[in-house]
Amino acid sequence: MEVQRLEKPYDKNRHQFEEIERSLRKIADLVKQKGREILAHFPITTPQFVALQWLNEYGDMTIGELSNHMHLACSTTTDLVDRMEKNGLVMRVKDKQDRRVVRIHLLDRGQTIIREVIAKRQHYLAEMLEHFTSEQVNDLEENLNFLLKTMKEKREVRS
């Protein structure tokens, strides 16, 4: 008697997964391109924007922590922070618990730029979704959040 191999979901839906991956990649490229166009009107670079986003979302952090989040070498992040500090976007501050530790603190000017850039990005997204029904927008949000949650959980299991 021959044992039949169970079909994995990927085998069964290979074409669908290929299409989803392609769509996600193209969407990411278009969003990145639009993000660069928006950033061209602000006095920051793409890596500075990414760093400011991390600081805005998670608060003060060390160069090492920021480097890990951005997947950059500490020396590269130090240069990046030097330029942002020179432009009045961030400031180095001593940690209150351990004065040997220096944290990068987001200044008001940096927060203002982040808020303005994100508002423009959200406006762009709203324009792209204006022909969606409210139900489609809700479904999209729900599905993207579920995908993100699943991906984060899978990544944590592997770490």
C-alpha atoms as a PDB file:
ATOM      1  CA  MET A   1       0.000   0.000   0.000  1.00  0.00           C
ATOM      2  CA  GLU A   2       1.409   3.352  -1.036  1.00  0.00           C
ATOM      3  CA  VAL A   3       1.503   6.168   1.507  1.00  0.00           C
ATOM      4  CA  GLN A   4       0.225   9.370   0.014  1.00  0.00           C
ATOM      5  CA  ARG A   5       2.133  12.503   0.954  1.00  0.00           C
ATOM      6  CA  LEU A   6      -0.045  15.231   2.413  1.00  0.00           C
ATOM      7  CA  GLU A   7      -0.017  18.363   0.351  1.00  0.00           C
ATOM      8  CA  LYS A   8       1.454  21.375   2.117  1.00  0.00           C
ATOM      9  CA  PRO A   9      -0.486  24.641   1.841  1.00  0.00           C
ATOM     10  CA  TYR A  10       2.376  26.150  -0.178  1.00  0.00           C
ATOM     11  CA  ASP A  11       2.206  23.355  -2.768  1.00  0.00           C
ATOM     12  CA  LYS A  12      -1.541  23.689  -3.105  1.00  0.00           C
ATOM     13  CA  ASN A  13      -1.607  27.487  -3.336  1.00  0.00           C
ATOM     14  CA  ARG A  14       1.805  28.165  -4.882  1.00  0.00           C
ATOM     15  CA  HIS A  15       0.446  30.526  -7.572  1.00  0.00           C
ATOM     16  CA  GLN A  16      -1.535  32.516  -5.023  1.00  0.00           C
ATOM     17  CA  PHE A  17       1.494  32.893  -2.728  1.00  0.00           C
ATOM     18  CA  GLU A  18       3.603  33.991  -5.691  1.00  0.00           C
ATOM     19  CA  GLU A  19       1.038  36.666  -6.537  1.00  0.00           C
ATOM     20  CA  ILE A  20       0.789  37.866  -2.926  1.00  0.00           C
ATOM     21  CA  GLU A  21       4.580  38.059  -2.617  1.00  0.00           C
ATOM     22  CA  ARG A  22       4.832  39.960  -5.907  1.00  0.00           C
ATOM     23  CA  SER A  23       2.084  42.398  -4.875  1.00  0.00           C
ATOM     24  CA  LEU A  24       3.654  43.017  -1.458  1.00  0.00           C
ATOM     25  CA  ARG A  25       7.043  43.637  -3.079  1.00  0.00           C
ATOM     26  CA  LYS A  26       5.577  46.075  -5.623  1.00  0.00           C
ATOM     27  CA  ILE A  27       3.554  47.882  -2.941  1.00  0.00           C
ATOM     28  CA  ALA A  28       6.662  48.172  -0.746  1.00  0.00           C
ATOM     29  CA  ASP A  29       8.622  49.599  -3.703  1.00  0.00           C
ATOM     30  CA  LEU A  30       5.913  52.156  -4.507  1.00  0.00           C
ATOM     31  CA  VAL A  31       5.578  53.215  -0.867  1.00  0.00           C
ATOM     32  CA  LYS A  32       9.367  53.528  -0.573  1.00  0.00           C
ATOM     33  CA  GLN A  33       9.513  55.591  -3.779  1.00  0.00           C
ATOM     34  CA  LYS A  34       6.727  57.910  -2.597  1.00  0.00           C
ATOM     35  CA  GLY A  35       8.417  58.158   0.792  1.00  0.00           C
ATOM     36  CA  ARG A  36      11.617  59.347  -0.894  1.00  0.00           C
ATOM     37  CA  GLU A  37       9.646  61.931  -2.898  1.00  0.00           C
ATOM     38  CA  ILE A  38       8.088  63.237   0.317  1.00  0.00           C
ATOM     39  CA  LEU A  39      11.447  63.284   2.127  1.00  0.00           C
ATOM     40  CA  ALA A  40      12.960  65.356  -0.691  1.00  0.00           C
ATOM     41  CA  HIS A  41      10.976  68.313   0.718  1.00  0.00           C
ATOM     42  CA  PHE A  42      12.482  67.931   4.193  1.00  0.00           C
ATOM     43  CA  PRO A  43      16.009  68.536   5.505  1.00  0.00           C
ATOM     44  CA  ILE A  44      16.677  64.866   6.349  1.00  0.00           C
ATOM     45  CA  THR A  45      17.911  61.768   4.559  1.00  0.00           C
ATOM     46  CA  THR A  46      16.152  58.406   4.412  1.00  0.00           C
ATOM     47  CA  PRO A  47      18.427  56.845   7.076  1.00  0.00           C
ATOM     48  CA  GLN A  48      17.846  59.877   9.319  1.00  0.00           C
ATOM     49  CA  PHE A  49      14.095  59.456   8.864  1.00  0.00           C
ATOM     50  CA  VAL A  50      14.346  55.793   9.852  1.00  0.00           C
ATOM     51  CA  ALA A  51      16.385  56.687  12.946  1.00  0.00           C
ATOM     52  CA  LEU A  52      13.949  59.441  13.919  1.00  0.00           C
ATOM     53  CA  GLN A  53      11.037  57.011  13.510  1.00  0.00           C
ATOM     54  CA  TRP A  54      12.654  54.527  15.920  1.00  0.00           C
ATOM     55  CA  LEU A  55      13.335  57.266  18.470  1.00  0.00           C
ATOM     56  CA  ASN A  56       9.833  58.664  18.069  1.00  0.00           C
ATOM     57  CA  GLU A  57       8.207  55.264  18.548  1.00  0.00           C
ATOM     58  CA  TYR A  58      10.416  53.782  21.287  1.00  0.00           C
ATOM     59  CA  GLY A  59      11.939  56.799  23.037  1.00  0.00           C
ATOM     60  CA  ASP A  60      15.543  57.448  23.984  1.00  0.00           C
ATOM     61  CA  MET A  61      18.032  54.717  23.135  1.00  0.00           C
ATOM     62  CA  THR A  62      21.756  54.142  22.986  1.00  0.00           C
ATOM     63  CA  ILE A  63      23.752  54.113  19.758  1.00  0.00           C
ATOM     64  CA  GLY A  64      23.992  50.316  20.093  1.00  0.00           C
ATOM     65  CA  GLU A  65      20.226  49.902  20.474  1.00  0.00           C
ATOM     66  CA  LEU A  66      19.539  52.194  17.525  1.00  0.00           C
ATOM     67  CA  SER A  67      22.169  50.344  15.464  1.00  0.00           C
ATOM     68  CA  ASN A  68      20.456  47.029  16.185  1.00  0.00           C
ATOM     69  CA  HIS A  69      17.035  48.365  15.190  1.00  0.00           C
ATOM     70  CA  MET A  70      18.403  49.855  11.977  1.00  0.00           C
ATOM     71  CA  HIS A  71      20.695  46.896  11.189  1.00  0.00           C
ATOM     72  CA  LEU A  72      23.691  49.227  10.858  1.00  0.00           C
ATOM     73  CA  ALA A  73      27.205  49.185  12.260  1.00  0.00           C
ATOM     74  CA  CYS A  74      27.662  51.298  15.392  1.00  0.00           C
ATOM     75  CA  SER A  75      30.169  53.512  13.558  1.00  0.00           C
ATOM     76  CA  THR A  76      27.624  54.226  10.805  1.00  0.00           C
ATOM     77  CA  THR A  77      24.933  55.011  13.374  1.00  0.00           C
ATOM     78  CA  THR A  78      27.337  57.284  15.265  1.00  0.00           C
ATOM     79  CA  ASP A  79      27.973  59.295  12.073  1.00  0.00           C
ATOM     80  CA  LEU A  80      24.229  59.442  11.434  1.00  0.00           C
ATOM     81  CA  VAL A  81      23.524  60.686  14.974  1.00  0.00           C
ATOM     82  CA  ASP A  82      26.365  63.235  14.705  1.00  0.00           C
ATOM     83  CA  ARG A  83      24.705  64.764  11.628  1.00  0.00           C
ATOM     84  CA  MET A  84      21.243  64.723  13.232  1.00  0.00           C
ATOM     85  CA  GLU A  85      22.628  66.339  16.391  1.00  0.00           C
ATOM     86  CA  LYS A  86      24.356  69.028  14.305  1.00  0.00           C
ATOM     87  CA  ASN A  87      20.994  69.740  12.593  1.00  0.00           C
ATOM     88  CA  GLY A  88      19.137  70.047  15.911  1.00  0.00           C
ATOM     89  CA  LEU A  89      17.046  66.891  15.468  1.00  0.00           C
ATOM     90  CA  VAL A  90      18.448  64.867  18.377  1.00  0.00           C
ATOM     91  CA  MET A  91      20.615  65.362  21.425  1.00  0.00           C
ATOM     92  CA  ARG A  92      22.894  63.047  23.387  1.00  0.00           C
ATOM     93  CA  VAL A  93      21.887  62.820  27.058  1.00  0.00           C
ATOM     94  CA  LYS A  94      23.354  60.956  30.024  1.00  0.00           C
ATOM     95  CA  ASP A  95      21.221  58.085  31.314  1.00  0.00           C
ATOM     96  CA  LYS A  96      19.627  58.968  34.662  1.00  0.00           C
ATOM     97  CA  GLN A  97      20.321  55.526  36.171  1.00  0.00           C
ATOM     98  CA  ASP A  98      23.847  55.090  34.803  1.00  0.00           C
ATOM     99  CA  ARG A  99      25.746  58.269  33.946  1.00  0.00           C
ATOM    100  CA  ARG A 100      28.241  56.263  31.866  1.00  0.00           C
ATOM    101  CA  VAL A 101      25.472  55.463  29.374  1.00  0.00           C
ATOM    102  CA  VAL A 102      24.619  58.031  26.697  1.00  0.00           C
ATOM    103  CA  ARG A 103      21.180  57.971  25.106  1.00  0.00           C
ATOM    104  CA  ILE A 104      19.954  59.644  21.943  1.00  0.00           C
ATOM    105  CA  HIS A 105      16.981  61.919  22.647  1.00  0.00           C
ATOM    106  CA  LEU A 106      14.583  63.174  19.962  1.00  0.00           C
ATOM    107  CA  LEU A 107      14.245  66.973  20.047  1.00  0.00           C
ATOM    108  CA  ASP A 108      11.124  68.984  19.160  1.00  0.00           C
ATOM    109  CA  ARG A 109      12.447  69.794  15.681  1.00  0.00           C
ATOM    110  CA  GLY A 110      12.951  66.078  14.984  1.00  0.00           C
ATOM    111  CA  GLN A 111       9.468  65.255  16.284  1.00  0.00           C
ATOM    112  CA  THR A 112       7.920  67.979  14.144  1.00  0.00           C
ATOM    113  CA  ILE A 113       9.619  66.683  11.001  1.00  0.00           C
ATOM    114  CA  ILE A 114       8.574  63.095  11.752  1.00  0.00           C
ATOM    115  CA  ARG A 115       4.956  64.143  12.337  1.00  0.00           C
ATOM    116  CA  GLU A 116       4.865  66.146   9.094  1.00  0.00           C
ATOM    117  CA  VAL A 117       6.458  63.379   7.003  1.00  0.00           C
ATOM    118  CA  ILE A 118       4.173  60.701   8.452  1.00  0.00           C
ATOM    119  CA  ALA A 119       1.109  62.931   7.913  1.00  0.00           C
ATOM    120  CA  LYS A 120       2.052  63.315   4.233  1.00  0.00           C
ATOM    121  CA  ARG A 121       2.608  59.555   3.907  1.00  0.00           C
ATOM    122  CA  GLN A 122      -0.781  58.885   5.506  1.00  0.00           C
ATOM    123  CA  HIS A 123      -2.407  61.412   3.171  1.00  0.00           C
ATOM    124  CA  TYR A 124      -0.864  59.564   0.210  1.00  0.00           C
ATOM    125  CA  LEU A 125      -2.233  56.268   1.515  1.00  0.00           C
ATOM    126  CA  ALA A 126      -5.681  57.823   2.000  1.00  0.00           C
ATOM    127  CA  GLU A 127      -5.603  58.965  -1.635  1.00  0.00           C
ATOM    128  CA  MET A 128      -4.703  55.443  -2.766  1.00  0.00           C
ATOM    129  CA  LEU A 129      -7.570  53.958  -0.753  1.00  0.00           C
ATOM    130  CA  GLU A 130     -10.234  56.515  -1.667  1.00  0.00           C
ATOM    131  CA  HIS A 131     -11.942  54.097  -4.080  1.00  0.00           C
ATOM    132  CA  PHE A 132     -12.094  51.322  -1.483  1.00  0.00           C
ATOM    133  CA  THR A 133     -15.280  50.820   0.493  1.00  0.00           C
ATOM    134  CA  SER A 134     -15.009  51.299   4.246  1.00  0.00           C
ATOM    135  CA  GLU A 135     -15.443  47.522   4.577  1.00  0.00           C
ATOM    136  CA  GLN A 136     -12.505  46.908   2.215  1.00  0.00           C
ATOM    137  CA  VAL A 137     -10.340  49.346   4.182  1.00  0.00           C
ATOM    138  CA  ASN A 138     -11.301  47.630   7.452  1.00  0.00           C
ATOM    139  CA  ASP A 139     -10.562  44.197   5.960  1.00  0.00           C
ATOM    140  CA  LEU A 140      -7.215  45.398   4.616  1.00  0.00           C
ATOM    141  CA  GLU A 141      -6.237  46.817   8.006  1.00  0.00           C
ATOM    142  CA  GLU A 142      -7.316  43.649   9.797  1.00  0.00           C
ATOM    143  CA  ASN A 143      -5.480  41.352   7.370  1.00  0.00           C
ATOM    144  CA  LEU A 144      -2.283  43.426   7.378  1.00  0.00           C
ATOM    145  CA  ASN A 145      -2.272  43.539  11.183  1.00  0.00           C
ATOM    146  CA  PHE A 146      -2.808  39.767  11.329  1.00  0.00           C
ATOM    147  CA  LEU A 147       0.024  39.163   8.841  1.00  0.00           C
ATOM    148  CA  LEU A 148       2.344  41.478  10.790  1.00  0.00           C
ATOM    149  CA  LYS A 149       1.486  39.789  14.100  1.00  0.00           C
ATOM    150  CA  THR A 150       2.089  36.341  12.596  1.00  0.00           C
ATOM    151  CA  MET A 151       5.417  37.390  11.088  1.00  0.00           C
ATOM    152  CA  LYS A 152       6.591  38.910  14.382  1.00  0.00           C
ATOM    153  CA  GLU A 153       5.601  35.778  16.308  1.00  0.00           C
ATOM    154  CA  LYS A 154       7.414  33.503  13.836  1.00  0.00           C
ATOM    155  CA  ARG A 155      10.513  35.695  14.026  1.00  0.00           C
ATOM    156  CA  GLU A 156      10.518  35.608  17.842  1.00  0.00           C
ATOM    157  CA  VAL A 157      10.227  31.804  17.847  1.00  0.00           C
ATOM    158  CA  ARG A 158      13.295  31.538  15.594  1.00  0.00           C
ATOM    159  CA  SER A 159      15.359  34.000  17.667  1.00  0.00           C
END
